[in-house]
Amino acid sequence: MKLVYAQEPFPEDLESSIFLAGPTPRSPKVKSWRPEAVSILKKRGYKGTIFIPEPRDGSFGEDFDYNEQIEWEARGLELADCILFWVPRNLKTLPGFTTNVEFGLWVRSGKVVFGAPENAPKTKYLRIYADKYGIPSSDILEQTISDALNMLKNKNPV
């Protein structure tokens, strides 16, 4: 399994890749959901590449270039075989408003899976569109990851 963090170079050759889309902490006090997702993927034996739109050290430093981040994420979303949206939204600490835009851009791509905890605020619209476009949807991270792995398996049958 190869991990590619924010603003790191993308690999030249990709066999299977997942972009972990969703809210990103902007404060070190807020826990990211992505390490748990990576851990689950590792336990499930995923051997591909994971694009993680957070710094490797977990902190956006003073030299953070927002425009470069936007370009990196756009490229990663384009390259990914599967875009896994997990939206554990908390309006005070993990609002994820950009996630809504990204979801809207990719909702018809055929490479999206969606998940959000049952009690996550302001996710009803996303859930409705996931249903409308036949996007696998769950309120459990583990199931959302299973949906992503199934999508990849169906795209690249062995």
Protein backbone atom coordinates (compact mmCIF):
# COMPACT_ATOMS: atom_id res chain seq x y z
CA MET A 1 0.00 0.00 0.00
CA LYS A 2 1.37 3.40 -0.97
CA LEU A 3 0.30 6.60 0.78
CA VAL A 4 0.53 9.92 -1.07
CA TYR A 5 -0.08 12.94 1.15
CA ALA A 6 -1.04 16.51 0.28
CA GLN A 7 1.21 18.20 -2.23
CA GLU A 8 3.49 15.16 -2.62
CA PRO A 9 4.20 13.95 -6.16
CA PHE A 10 1.79 11.46 -7.67
CA PRO A 11 3.21 8.09 -8.75
CA GLU A 12 3.83 7.62 -12.46
CA ASP A 13 2.15 4.22 -12.60
CA LEU A 14 -1.09 3.51 -10.79
CA GLU A 15 -2.86 0.17 -10.79
CA SER A 16 -5.49 0.96 -8.18
CA SER A 17 -6.07 4.19 -6.29
CA ILE A 18 -8.46 5.67 -3.77
CA PHE A 19 -8.81 9.36 -2.91
CA LEU A 20 -9.99 9.93 0.67
CA ALA A 21 -12.34 12.88 0.16
CA GLY A 22 -14.11 14.60 3.02
CA PRO A 23 -13.59 17.19 5.74
CA THR A 24 -9.99 17.95 6.68
CA PRO A 25 -9.04 19.24 10.13
CA ARG A 26 -7.62 22.76 10.13
CA SER A 27 -6.50 22.57 13.74
CA PRO A 28 -4.19 20.06 15.44
CA LYS A 29 -6.82 19.80 18.19
CA VAL A 30 -9.26 18.16 15.76
CA LYS A 31 -8.74 14.46 15.04
CA SER A 32 -8.67 13.38 11.41
CA TRP A 33 -10.80 10.46 10.26
CA ARG A 34 -8.28 9.43 7.59
CA PRO A 35 -5.82 7.42 9.77
CA GLU A 36 -8.69 5.12 10.73
CA ALA A 37 -9.63 4.72 7.05
CA VAL A 38 -6.02 3.87 6.13
CA SER A 39 -5.88 1.36 8.99
CA ILE A 40 -9.07 -0.35 7.79
CA LEU A 41 -7.78 -0.48 4.21
CA LYS A 42 -4.53 -2.02 5.44
CA LYS A 43 -6.42 -4.65 7.47
CA ARG A 44 -8.50 -5.48 4.39
CA GLY A 45 -5.31 -6.13 2.41
CA TYR A 46 -5.59 -3.18 0.02
CA LYS A 47 -2.37 -2.99 -2.00
CA GLY A 48 -3.01 0.11 -4.09
CA THR A 49 -2.34 3.81 -3.65
CA ILE A 50 -4.23 6.10 -1.30
CA PHE A 51 -4.35 9.85 -1.92
CA ILE A 52 -4.62 11.67 1.41
CA PRO A 53 -5.29 15.44 1.12
CA GLU A 54 -3.61 16.22 4.44
CA PRO A 55 0.05 16.93 5.20
CA ARG A 56 2.07 13.85 6.13
CA ASP A 57 2.88 15.39 9.53
CA GLY A 58 -0.77 16.33 10.06
CA SER A 59 -0.18 20.07 10.18
CA PHE A 60 -0.69 22.75 7.56
CA GLY A 61 2.33 24.98 8.30
CA GLU A 62 2.93 28.66 7.66
CA ASP A 63 4.29 27.91 4.19
CA PHE A 64 1.07 26.12 3.21
CA ASP A 65 -0.01 27.19 -0.29
CA TYR A 66 -3.79 26.94 -0.59
CA ASN A 67 -3.79 27.31 -4.39
CA GLU A 68 -1.25 24.51 -4.70
CA GLN A 69 -3.45 22.35 -2.47
CA ILE A 70 -6.48 22.98 -4.68
CA GLU A 71 -4.49 21.91 -7.75
CA TRP A 72 -3.09 18.84 -5.96
CA GLU A 73 -6.57 17.74 -4.89
CA ALA A 74 -8.02 18.32 -8.36
CA ARG A 75 -5.27 16.17 -9.89
CA GLY A 76 -5.68 13.45 -7.26
CA LEU A 77 -9.43 13.32 -7.75
CA GLU A 78 -8.90 13.01 -11.50
CA LEU A 79 -6.30 10.24 -11.16
CA ALA A 80 -8.18 8.20 -8.56
CA ASP A 81 -9.98 5.04 -9.60
CA CYS A 82 -12.35 5.52 -6.66
CA ILE A 83 -13.25 8.64 -4.68
CA LEU A 84 -14.29 7.67 -1.19
CA PHE A 85 -16.30 10.46 0.42
CA TRP A 86 -16.57 10.12 4.19
CA VAL A 87 -18.28 13.12 5.81
CA PRO A 88 -18.11 13.00 9.63
CA ARG A 89 -19.24 16.61 9.63
CA ASN A 90 -19.19 18.72 12.78
CA LEU A 91 -20.19 22.30 11.98
CA LYS A 92 -17.85 23.76 14.63
CA THR A 93 -14.73 21.64 14.22
CA LEU A 94 -14.97 19.79 10.89
CA PRO A 95 -17.45 21.65 8.65
CA GLY A 96 -16.28 20.27 5.29
CA PHE A 97 -18.02 22.80 3.07
CA THR A 98 -15.51 22.25 0.27
CA THR A 99 -16.48 18.58 0.40
CA ASN A 100 -19.94 19.52 -0.88
CA VAL A 101 -18.41 21.19 -3.94
CA GLU A 102 -16.11 18.24 -4.64
CA PHE A 103 -19.00 15.80 -4.29
CA GLY A 104 -21.04 17.84 -6.76
CA LEU A 105 -18.18 17.88 -9.25
CA TRP A 106 -17.71 14.10 -9.12
CA VAL A 107 -21.21 12.78 -8.35
CA ARG A 108 -21.77 11.63 -11.97
CA SER A 109 -18.27 10.25 -12.52
CA GLY A 110 -19.06 6.62 -11.75
CA LYS A 111 -16.16 6.44 -9.32
CA VAL A 112 -17.71 7.77 -6.09
CA VAL A 113 -18.76 6.01 -2.91
CA PHE A 114 -20.34 8.01 -0.10
CA GLY A 115 -20.62 7.70 3.63
CA ALA A 116 -21.44 9.85 6.64
CA PRO A 117 -22.32 9.00 10.22
CA GLU A 118 -26.07 8.83 10.69
CA ASN A 119 -26.06 11.94 12.90
CA ALA A 120 -23.74 14.06 10.71
CA PRO A 121 -25.43 17.43 10.14
CA LYS A 122 -26.11 18.88 6.70
CA THR A 123 -25.58 15.62 4.81
CA LYS A 124 -29.14 14.94 3.68
CA TYR A 125 -28.61 16.68 0.32
CA LEU A 126 -25.51 14.57 -0.34
CA ARG A 127 -27.37 11.40 0.60
CA ILE A 128 -30.25 12.28 -1.75
CA TYR A 129 -27.87 12.77 -4.67
CA ALA A 130 -25.98 9.59 -3.83
CA ASP A 131 -29.29 7.72 -4.05
CA LYS A 132 -30.30 9.56 -7.23
CA TYR A 133 -27.11 8.53 -9.04
CA GLY A 134 -26.87 5.01 -7.62
CA ILE A 135 -23.80 5.76 -5.55
CA PRO A 136 -23.08 3.21 -2.82
CA SER A 137 -23.88 4.91 0.48
CA SER A 138 -23.48 4.01 4.15
CA ASP A 139 -23.44 5.55 7.60
CA ILE A 140 -20.51 3.35 8.72
CA LEU A 141 -16.91 4.01 7.64
CA GLU A 142 -16.07 0.30 7.38
CA GLN A 143 -18.98 -0.27 4.98
CA THR A 144 -18.02 2.78 2.92
CA ILE A 145 -14.53 1.28 2.58
CA SER A 146 -16.05 -2.07 1.58
CA ASP A 147 -18.07 -0.23 -1.07
CA ALA A 148 -14.85 1.37 -2.38
CA LEU A 149 -13.03 -1.96 -2.51
CA ASN A 150 -15.98 -3.56 -4.32
CA MET A 151 -15.96 -0.74 -6.84
CA LEU A 152 -12.25 -1.26 -7.50
CA LYS A 153 -12.74 -5.03 -7.77
CA ASN A 154 -15.48 -4.53 -10.35
CA LYS A 155 -13.35 -2.06 -12.33
CA ASN A 156 -10.27 -4.30 -12.24
CA PRO A 157 -11.44 -7.92 -11.95
CA VAL A 158 -8.64 -10.41 -11.34
